[in-house]
Amino acid sequence: MVAEVIINRGAKKLNRTFDYNIPNELEDLILVGSKVIVPFGRGEKQEEAFVVKLKENSQFANKEIIKLEENLTNKQIELAKWMANRYFCNVSDCIKLMLTPGTRTKNKEKRIQDKIINTVYLKKDIEEIEFEIETEKLKSQKQIKALKFIKDNEGATIPEIEMFTDVSRAIVNTLIKNGYLELVEQKVERNPLLLKEYIKTEKLQLTEEQRIAYEKVENAIEENRYEQFLLYGVTGSRKN
């Protein structure tokens, strides 16, 4: 089997197809819409390419596809061809619009990846902290302010604590050093399509602050008032 491919490059002279033989082990995997790696040019540099057509043979196919990366659908490829014809641009540029956001760059190290962040949690029991405040063992008002905020917002990051309490990073670090707080590493899944996956969940109970914010927005909608609303909330406070 032979694949007609479009090289993932912006040069106008490459806005055409090239034929490549499909290895036997990939014949059942490569489809119209597959993103593949092929040897290209005199130096046979490895380039990304998109399969736009499959055929049984070709007199021009003298090189072989190296590997398969991912697949698009046949409809996406057809749409890309239509867009290229309609707007006078390269097919490869239109195909890239069909790719998942964050995966379009050729350099895999620069694609969207999961991220590790440090979040802050109480290390001492809240009863012990409150006792130390009452007995004035803990006197710093800024430290107390930070601890009260973290009590209601465990899992916040240090920049968020700084923003909402107006205390410095040094204050938070002192509380960590003295055993009041601890840093916990959390993995953040950076899925660019996460918000497009709608999962049915149980109805959530709003907090008092959330209820007030919700009712203000709801009243504006019911009264046909066009207003802007700015929501404040740390990560995980369900602003969405």
C-alpha atoms as a PDB file:
ATOM      1  CA  MET A   1       0.000   0.000   0.000  1.00  0.00           C
ATOM      2  CA  VAL A   2       1.049   3.559  -0.716  1.00  0.00           C
ATOM      3  CA  ALA A   3       0.150   6.776   1.104  1.00  0.00           C
ATOM      4  CA  GLU A   4      -0.131  10.202  -0.456  1.00  0.00           C
ATOM      5  CA  VAL A   5       1.082  12.671   2.138  1.00  0.00           C
ATOM      6  CA  ILE A   6       1.291  16.432   2.639  1.00  0.00           C
ATOM      7  CA  ILE A   7       4.531  17.513   4.352  1.00  0.00           C
ATOM      8  CA  ASN A   8       3.919  19.621   7.466  1.00  0.00           C
ATOM      9  CA  ARG A   9       5.794  22.653   6.175  1.00  0.00           C
ATOM     10  CA  GLY A  10       4.618  26.128   5.181  1.00  0.00           C
ATOM     11  CA  ALA A  11       6.599  26.433   1.933  1.00  0.00           C
ATOM     12  CA  LYS A  12       4.350  26.935  -1.105  1.00  0.00           C
ATOM     13  CA  LYS A  13       6.391  24.514  -3.223  1.00  0.00           C
ATOM     14  CA  LEU A  14       5.516  21.765  -0.740  1.00  0.00           C
ATOM     15  CA  ASN A  15       1.787  22.356  -1.108  1.00  0.00           C
ATOM     16  CA  ARG A  16       1.405  19.067  -2.983  1.00  0.00           C
ATOM     17  CA  THR A  17       1.400  15.367  -2.247  1.00  0.00           C
ATOM     18  CA  PHE A  18       4.299  12.919  -2.080  1.00  0.00           C
ATOM     19  CA  ASP A  19       4.021   9.132  -2.286  1.00  0.00           C
ATOM     20  CA  TYR A  20       5.448   6.860   0.406  1.00  0.00           C
ATOM     21  CA  ASN A  21       5.288   3.100   0.810  1.00  0.00           C
ATOM     22  CA  ILE A  22       3.495   1.908   3.934  1.00  0.00           C
ATOM     23  CA  PRO A  23       5.414  -0.704   5.980  1.00  0.00           C
ATOM     24  CA  ASN A  24       3.601  -4.046   6.309  1.00  0.00           C
ATOM     25  CA  GLU A  25       3.272  -3.679  10.074  1.00  0.00           C
ATOM     26  CA  LEU A  26       1.490  -0.305   9.661  1.00  0.00           C
ATOM     27  CA  GLU A  27      -0.889  -1.208   6.823  1.00  0.00           C
ATOM     28  CA  ASP A  28      -3.836  -1.795   9.163  1.00  0.00           C
ATOM     29  CA  LEU A  29      -3.053   1.283  11.272  1.00  0.00           C
ATOM     30  CA  ILE A  30      -2.432   4.066   8.785  1.00  0.00           C
ATOM     31  CA  LEU A  31      -5.596   5.734   7.536  1.00  0.00           C
ATOM     32  CA  VAL A  32      -6.513   8.893   5.680  1.00  0.00           C
ATOM     33  CA  GLY A  33      -5.836  11.549   8.323  1.00  0.00           C
ATOM     34  CA  SER A  34      -2.879   9.818   9.961  1.00  0.00           C
ATOM     35  CA  LYS A  35       0.048  11.968  11.060  1.00  0.00           C
ATOM     36  CA  VAL A  36       3.232  10.126  10.158  1.00  0.00           C
ATOM     37  CA  ILE A  37       6.994  10.616  10.148  1.00  0.00           C
ATOM     38  CA  VAL A  38       8.709  10.332   6.753  1.00  0.00           C
ATOM     39  CA  PRO A  39      12.253  10.796   5.390  1.00  0.00           C
ATOM     40  CA  PHE A  40      12.266  13.887   3.198  1.00  0.00           C
ATOM     41  CA  GLY A  41      14.729  15.715   0.972  1.00  0.00           C
ATOM     42  CA  ARG A  42      18.300  14.923   0.011  1.00  0.00           C
ATOM     43  CA  GLY A  43      19.424  14.440   3.571  1.00  0.00           C
ATOM     44  CA  GLU A  44      16.321  12.353   4.316  1.00  0.00           C
ATOM     45  CA  LYS A  45      15.543  14.514   7.326  1.00  0.00           C
ATOM     46  CA  GLN A  46      12.599  13.175   9.309  1.00  0.00           C
ATOM     47  CA  GLU A  47       9.507  15.340   8.769  1.00  0.00           C
ATOM     48  CA  GLU A  48       5.908  15.238   9.936  1.00  0.00           C
ATOM     49  CA  ALA A  49       3.372  14.572   7.200  1.00  0.00           C
ATOM     50  CA  PHE A  50      -0.381  13.981   6.906  1.00  0.00           C
ATOM     51  CA  VAL A  51      -1.892  11.143   4.905  1.00  0.00           C
ATOM     52  CA  VAL A  52      -4.509  12.482   2.491  1.00  0.00           C
ATOM     53  CA  LYS A  53      -5.036   9.432   0.278  1.00  0.00           C
ATOM     54  CA  LEU A  54      -4.310   5.696   0.175  1.00  0.00           C
ATOM     55  CA  LYS A  55      -3.702   3.667  -2.979  1.00  0.00           C
ATOM     56  CA  GLU A  56      -2.404   0.250  -3.943  1.00  0.00           C
ATOM     57  CA  ASN A  57       0.760   1.287  -5.774  1.00  0.00           C
ATOM     58  CA  SER A  58       2.733   4.202  -7.205  1.00  0.00           C
ATOM     59  CA  GLN A  59       5.738   4.514  -9.497  1.00  0.00           C
ATOM     60  CA  PHE A  60       6.905   7.519  -7.451  1.00  0.00           C
ATOM     61  CA  ALA A  61       6.996   5.780  -4.057  1.00  0.00           C
ATOM     62  CA  ASN A  62      10.660   4.949  -3.428  1.00  0.00           C
ATOM     63  CA  LYS A  63      10.772   5.747   0.303  1.00  0.00           C
ATOM     64  CA  GLU A  64       8.932   4.281   3.260  1.00  0.00           C
ATOM     65  CA  ILE A  65       6.965   5.831   6.137  1.00  0.00           C
ATOM     66  CA  ILE A  66       9.049   5.642   9.326  1.00  0.00           C
ATOM     67  CA  LYS A  67       6.302   5.623  11.965  1.00  0.00           C
ATOM     68  CA  LEU A  68       2.732   6.579  12.808  1.00  0.00           C
ATOM     69  CA  GLU A  69       2.035   9.391  15.312  1.00  0.00           C
ATOM     70  CA  GLU A  70      -1.735   9.939  15.481  1.00  0.00           C
ATOM     71  CA  ASN A  71      -4.912   9.912  13.406  1.00  0.00           C
ATOM     72  CA  LEU A  72      -7.412  12.489  12.187  1.00  0.00           C
ATOM     73  CA  THR A  73     -10.697  11.567  10.556  1.00  0.00           C
ATOM     74  CA  ASN A  74     -11.322  11.415   6.821  1.00  0.00           C
ATOM     75  CA  LYS A  75     -13.894  14.216   7.206  1.00  0.00           C
ATOM     76  CA  GLN A  76     -11.287  16.466   8.826  1.00  0.00           C
ATOM     77  CA  ILE A  77      -8.929  15.921   5.918  1.00  0.00           C
ATOM     78  CA  GLU A  78     -11.677  16.681   3.402  1.00  0.00           C
ATOM     79  CA  LEU A  79     -12.556  19.843   5.311  1.00  0.00           C
ATOM     80  CA  ALA A  80      -8.893  20.906   5.296  1.00  0.00           C
ATOM     81  CA  LYS A  81      -8.723  20.415   1.517  1.00  0.00           C
ATOM     82  CA  TRP A  82     -11.889  22.485   1.049  1.00  0.00           C
ATOM     83  CA  MET A  83     -10.515  25.256   3.279  1.00  0.00           C
ATOM     84  CA  ALA A  84      -7.210  25.312   1.381  1.00  0.00           C
ATOM     85  CA  ASN A  85      -9.053  25.638  -1.925  1.00  0.00           C
ATOM     86  CA  ARG A  86     -11.517  28.209  -0.592  1.00  0.00           C
ATOM     87  CA  TYR A  87      -8.974  30.449   1.129  1.00  0.00           C
ATOM     88  CA  PHE A  88      -5.929  29.878  -1.138  1.00  0.00           C
ATOM     89  CA  CYS A  89      -3.613  28.498   1.530  1.00  0.00           C
ATOM     90  CA  ASN A  90      -1.546  25.389   2.131  1.00  0.00           C
ATOM     91  CA  VAL A  91      -3.379  22.153   2.888  1.00  0.00           C
ATOM     92  CA  SER A  92      -0.894  21.432   5.696  1.00  0.00           C
ATOM     93  CA  ASP A  93      -1.827  24.711   7.440  1.00  0.00           C
ATOM     94  CA  CYS A  94      -5.508  23.772   7.316  1.00  0.00           C
ATOM     95  CA  ILE A  95      -4.831  20.251   8.562  1.00  0.00           C
ATOM     96  CA  LYS A  96      -2.984  21.672  11.592  1.00  0.00           C
ATOM     97  CA  LEU A  97      -6.194  23.469  12.571  1.00  0.00           C
ATOM     98  CA  MET A  98      -7.772  20.030  13.021  1.00  0.00           C
ATOM     99  CA  LEU A  99      -5.145  18.923  15.528  1.00  0.00           C
ATOM    100  CA  THR A 100      -5.718  19.013  19.271  1.00  0.00           C
ATOM    101  CA  PRO A 101      -4.646  22.409  20.683  1.00  0.00           C
ATOM    102  CA  GLY A 102      -1.251  22.185  22.335  1.00  0.00           C
ATOM    103  CA  THR A 103      -0.047  19.321  20.100  1.00  0.00           C
ATOM    104  CA  ARG A 104       0.607  21.233  16.887  1.00  0.00           C
ATOM    105  CA  THR A 105       4.274  22.012  17.421  1.00  0.00           C
ATOM    106  CA  LYS A 106       6.731  19.521  15.928  1.00  0.00           C
ATOM    107  CA  ASN A 107       8.885  19.661  19.054  1.00  0.00           C
ATOM    108  CA  LYS A 108       7.251  17.185  21.449  1.00  0.00           C
ATOM    109  CA  GLU A 109       9.011  18.744  24.445  1.00  0.00           C
ATOM    110  CA  LYS A 110       7.131  21.996  23.791  1.00  0.00           C
ATOM    111  CA  ARG A 111       3.702  20.362  23.582  1.00  0.00           C
ATOM    112  CA  ILE A 112       1.243  20.691  26.453  1.00  0.00           C
ATOM    113  CA  GLN A 113       2.282  18.367  29.263  1.00  0.00           C
ATOM    114  CA  ASP A 114       1.088  17.698  32.772  1.00  0.00           C
ATOM    115  CA  LYS A 115       2.471  20.124  35.349  1.00  0.00           C
ATOM    116  CA  ILE A 116       3.566  19.676  38.978  1.00  0.00           C
ATOM    117  CA  ILE A 117       2.624  22.502  41.362  1.00  0.00           C
ATOM    118  CA  ASN A 118       3.199  23.037  45.093  1.00  0.00           C
ATOM    119  CA  THR A 119       0.044  23.515  47.161  1.00  0.00           C
ATOM    120  CA  VAL A 120      -0.234  24.515  50.805  1.00  0.00           C
ATOM    121  CA  TYR A 121      -2.045  22.558  53.548  1.00  0.00           C
ATOM    122  CA  LEU A 122      -2.299  22.850  57.323  1.00  0.00           C
ATOM    123  CA  LYS A 123       0.204  20.583  59.073  1.00  0.00           C
ATOM    124  CA  LYS A 124      -0.976  21.208  62.644  1.00  0.00           C
ATOM    125  CA  ASP A 125      -4.522  20.482  63.785  1.00  0.00           C
ATOM    126  CA  ILE A 126      -6.746  23.548  63.576  1.00  0.00           C
ATOM    127  CA  GLU A 127      -7.632  23.155  67.287  1.00  0.00           C
ATOM    128  CA  GLU A 128      -3.941  23.373  68.203  1.00  0.00           C
ATOM    129  CA  ILE A 129      -3.488  26.457  66.015  1.00  0.00           C
ATOM    130  CA  GLU A 130      -6.529  28.174  67.531  1.00  0.00           C
ATOM    131  CA  PHE A 131      -5.232  27.392  71.039  1.00  0.00           C
ATOM    132  CA  GLU A 132      -1.864  28.986  70.220  1.00  0.00           C
ATOM    133  CA  ILE A 133      -3.648  32.081  68.908  1.00  0.00           C
ATOM    134  CA  GLU A 134      -5.829  32.354  72.029  1.00  0.00           C
ATOM    135  CA  THR A 135      -2.858  31.942  74.372  1.00  0.00           C
ATOM    136  CA  GLU A 136      -0.842  34.429  72.274  1.00  0.00           C
ATOM    137  CA  LYS A 137       1.857  31.864  71.607  1.00  0.00           C
ATOM    138  CA  LEU A 138       1.291  32.837  67.986  1.00  0.00           C
ATOM    139  CA  LYS A 139       1.186  36.639  67.862  1.00  0.00           C
ATOM    140  CA  SER A 140       1.965  37.663  64.283  1.00  0.00           C
ATOM    141  CA  GLN A 141      -1.234  39.039  62.761  1.00  0.00           C
ATOM    142  CA  LYS A 142      -0.010  38.311  59.255  1.00  0.00           C
ATOM    143  CA  GLN A 143       0.732  34.706  60.122  1.00  0.00           C
ATOM    144  CA  ILE A 144      -2.691  34.383  61.747  1.00  0.00           C
ATOM    145  CA  LYS A 145      -4.337  35.930  58.684  1.00  0.00           C
ATOM    146  CA  ALA A 146      -2.560  33.455  56.398  1.00  0.00           C
ATOM    147  CA  LEU A 147      -3.497  30.481  58.580  1.00  0.00           C
ATOM    148  CA  LYS A 148      -7.177  31.480  58.689  1.00  0.00           C
ATOM    149  CA  PHE A 149      -7.238  31.787  54.916  1.00  0.00           C
ATOM    150  CA  ILE A 150      -5.557  28.402  54.398  1.00  0.00           C
ATOM    151  CA  LYS A 151      -7.966  26.797  56.878  1.00  0.00           C
ATOM    152  CA  ASP A 152     -10.813  27.576  54.457  1.00  0.00           C
ATOM    153  CA  ASN A 153      -8.759  27.161  51.274  1.00  0.00           C
ATOM    154  CA  GLU A 154      -6.435  24.202  51.701  1.00  0.00           C
ATOM    155  CA  GLY A 155      -4.710  23.343  48.432  1.00  0.00           C
ATOM    156  CA  ALA A 156      -4.102  26.978  47.455  1.00  0.00           C
ATOM    157  CA  THR A 157      -0.720  27.889  45.977  1.00  0.00           C
ATOM    158  CA  ILE A 158       1.650  30.394  47.572  1.00  0.00           C
ATOM    159  CA  PRO A 159       0.960  33.047  44.872  1.00  0.00           C
ATOM    160  CA  GLU A 160      -2.779  32.666  45.548  1.00  0.00           C
ATOM    161  CA  ILE A 161      -2.224  33.066  49.284  1.00  0.00           C
ATOM    162  CA  GLU A 162      -0.161  36.202  48.625  1.00  0.00           C
ATOM    163  CA  MET A 163      -2.885  37.603  46.364  1.00  0.00           C
ATOM    164  CA  PHE A 164      -5.857  37.041  48.665  1.00  0.00           C
ATOM    165  CA  THR A 165      -4.283  37.748  52.062  1.00  0.00           C
ATOM    166  CA  ASP A 166      -1.720  40.408  51.158  1.00  0.00           C
ATOM    167  CA  VAL A 167       0.965  38.546  53.100  1.00  0.00           C
ATOM    168  CA  SER A 168       4.424  37.897  51.710  1.00  0.00           C
ATOM    169  CA  ARG A 169       5.947  34.610  50.603  1.00  0.00           C
ATOM    170  CA  ALA A 170       8.367  34.958  53.525  1.00  0.00           C
ATOM    171  CA  ILE A 171       5.444  34.738  55.986  1.00  0.00           C
ATOM    172  CA  VAL A 172       4.209  31.514  54.381  1.00  0.00           C
ATOM    173  CA  ASN A 173       7.728  30.063  54.339  1.00  0.00           C
ATOM    174  CA  THR A 174       8.119  30.893  58.043  1.00  0.00           C
ATOM    175  CA  LEU A 175       4.879  29.038  58.827  1.00  0.00           C
ATOM    176  CA  ILE A 176       6.150  26.059  56.835  1.00  0.00           C
ATOM    177  CA  LYS A 177       9.492  26.159  58.644  1.00  0.00           C
ATOM    178  CA  ASN A 178       7.751  26.296  62.048  1.00  0.00           C
ATOM    179  CA  GLY A 179       5.561  23.312  61.264  1.00  0.00           C
ATOM    180  CA  TYR A 180       2.204  25.055  60.856  1.00  0.00           C
ATOM    181  CA  LEU A 181       1.959  24.430  57.118  1.00  0.00           C
ATOM    182  CA  GLU A 182       3.274  21.929  54.614  1.00  0.00           C
ATOM    183  CA  LEU A 183       3.830  21.910  50.864  1.00  0.00           C
ATOM    184  CA  VAL A 184       2.210  19.098  48.896  1.00  0.00           C
ATOM    185  CA  GLU A 185       3.067  18.396  45.268  1.00  0.00           C
ATOM    186  CA  GLN A 186       0.045  17.998  42.989  1.00  0.00           C
ATOM    187  CA  LYS A 187      -0.080  16.944  39.361  1.00  0.00           C
ATOM    188  CA  VAL A 188      -2.150  19.225  37.149  1.00  0.00           C
ATOM    189  CA  GLU A 189      -3.479  17.490  34.050  1.00  0.00           C
ATOM    190  CA  ARG A 190      -3.232  20.077  31.295  1.00  0.00           C
ATOM    191  CA  ASN A 191      -5.802  18.631  28.929  1.00  0.00           C
ATOM    192  CA  PRO A 192      -6.751  21.301  26.355  1.00  0.00           C
ATOM    193  CA  LEU A 193     -10.053  19.520  25.706  1.00  0.00           C
ATOM    194  CA  LEU A 194     -10.963  19.007  29.366  1.00  0.00           C
ATOM    195  CA  LEU A 195     -13.645  21.711  29.355  1.00  0.00           C
ATOM    196  CA  LYS A 196     -15.264  20.098  26.327  1.00  0.00           C
ATOM    197  CA  GLU A 197     -15.915  16.840  28.159  1.00  0.00           C
ATOM    198  CA  TYR A 198     -19.256  17.202  29.868  1.00  0.00           C
ATOM    199  CA  ILE A 199     -19.711  14.732  32.697  1.00  0.00           C
ATOM    200  CA  LYS A 200     -23.012  14.401  34.496  1.00  0.00           C
ATOM    201  CA  THR A 201     -22.543  15.003  38.218  1.00  0.00           C
ATOM    202  CA  GLU A 202     -24.716  15.283  41.281  1.00  0.00           C
ATOM    203  CA  LYS A 203     -26.086  18.747  41.988  1.00  0.00           C
ATOM    204  CA  LEU A 204     -23.516  20.615  44.051  1.00  0.00           C
ATOM    205  CA  GLN A 205     -24.425  22.655  47.106  1.00  0.00           C
ATOM    206  CA  LEU A 206     -23.309  26.271  46.828  1.00  0.00           C
ATOM    207  CA  THR A 207     -21.505  28.016  49.645  1.00  0.00           C
ATOM    208  CA  GLU A 208     -23.008  31.270  50.950  1.00  0.00           C
ATOM    209  CA  GLU A 209     -20.607  33.397  48.884  1.00  0.00           C
ATOM    210  CA  GLN A 210     -21.262  31.293  45.770  1.00  0.00           C
ATOM    211  CA  ARG A 211     -25.025  31.584  46.280  1.00  0.00           C
ATOM    212  CA  ILE A 212     -24.836  35.385  46.513  1.00  0.00           C
ATOM    213  CA  ALA A 213     -22.737  35.581  43.333  1.00  0.00           C
ATOM    214  CA  TYR A 214     -25.053  33.182  41.508  1.00  0.00           C
ATOM    215  CA  GLU A 215     -28.188  35.117  42.455  1.00  0.00           C
ATOM    216  CA  LYS A 216     -26.698  38.422  41.254  1.00  0.00           C
ATOM    217  CA  VAL A 217     -25.943  36.924  37.843  1.00  0.00           C
ATOM    218  CA  GLU A 218     -29.315  35.159  37.691  1.00  0.00           C
ATOM    219  CA  ASN A 219     -31.212  38.377  38.524  1.00  0.00           C
ATOM    220  CA  ALA A 220     -29.372  40.276  35.798  1.00  0.00           C
ATOM    221  CA  ILE A 221     -30.302  37.596  33.249  1.00  0.00           C
ATOM    222  CA  GLU A 222     -33.962  37.532  34.281  1.00  0.00           C
ATOM    223  CA  GLU A 223     -34.172  41.347  34.112  1.00  0.00           C
ATOM    224  CA  ASN A 224     -32.402  41.440  30.722  1.00  0.00           C
ATOM    225  CA  ARG A 225     -29.617  43.583  32.131  1.00  0.00           C
ATOM    226  CA  TYR A 226     -26.340  43.262  30.263  1.00  0.00           C
ATOM    227  CA  GLU A 227     -23.591  43.478  32.879  1.00  0.00           C
ATOM    228  CA  GLN A 228     -20.097  42.215  33.503  1.00  0.00           C
ATOM    229  CA  PHE A 229     -19.302  40.192  36.625  1.00  0.00           C
ATOM    230  CA  LEU A 230     -15.839  39.526  38.038  1.00  0.00           C
ATOM    231  CA  LEU A 231     -15.594  36.365  40.135  1.00  0.00           C
ATOM    232  CA  TYR A 232     -12.934  35.983  42.814  1.00  0.00           C
ATOM    233  CA  GLY A 233     -11.854  32.557  43.958  1.00  0.00           C
ATOM    234  CA  VAL A 234      -8.744  30.454  44.431  1.00  0.00           C
ATOM    235  CA  THR A 235      -8.018  27.349  42.386  1.00  0.00           C
ATOM    236  CA  GLY A 236     -10.627  24.690  43.113  1.00  0.00           C
ATOM    237  CA  SER A 237     -13.258  27.103  44.437  1.00  0.00           C
ATOM    238  CA  ARG A 238     -15.637  26.142  41.596  1.00  0.00           C
ATOM    239  CA  LYS A 239     -15.720  29.455  39.706  1.00  0.00           C
ATOM    240  CA  ASN A 240     -16.824  27.474  36.653  1.00  0.00           C
END
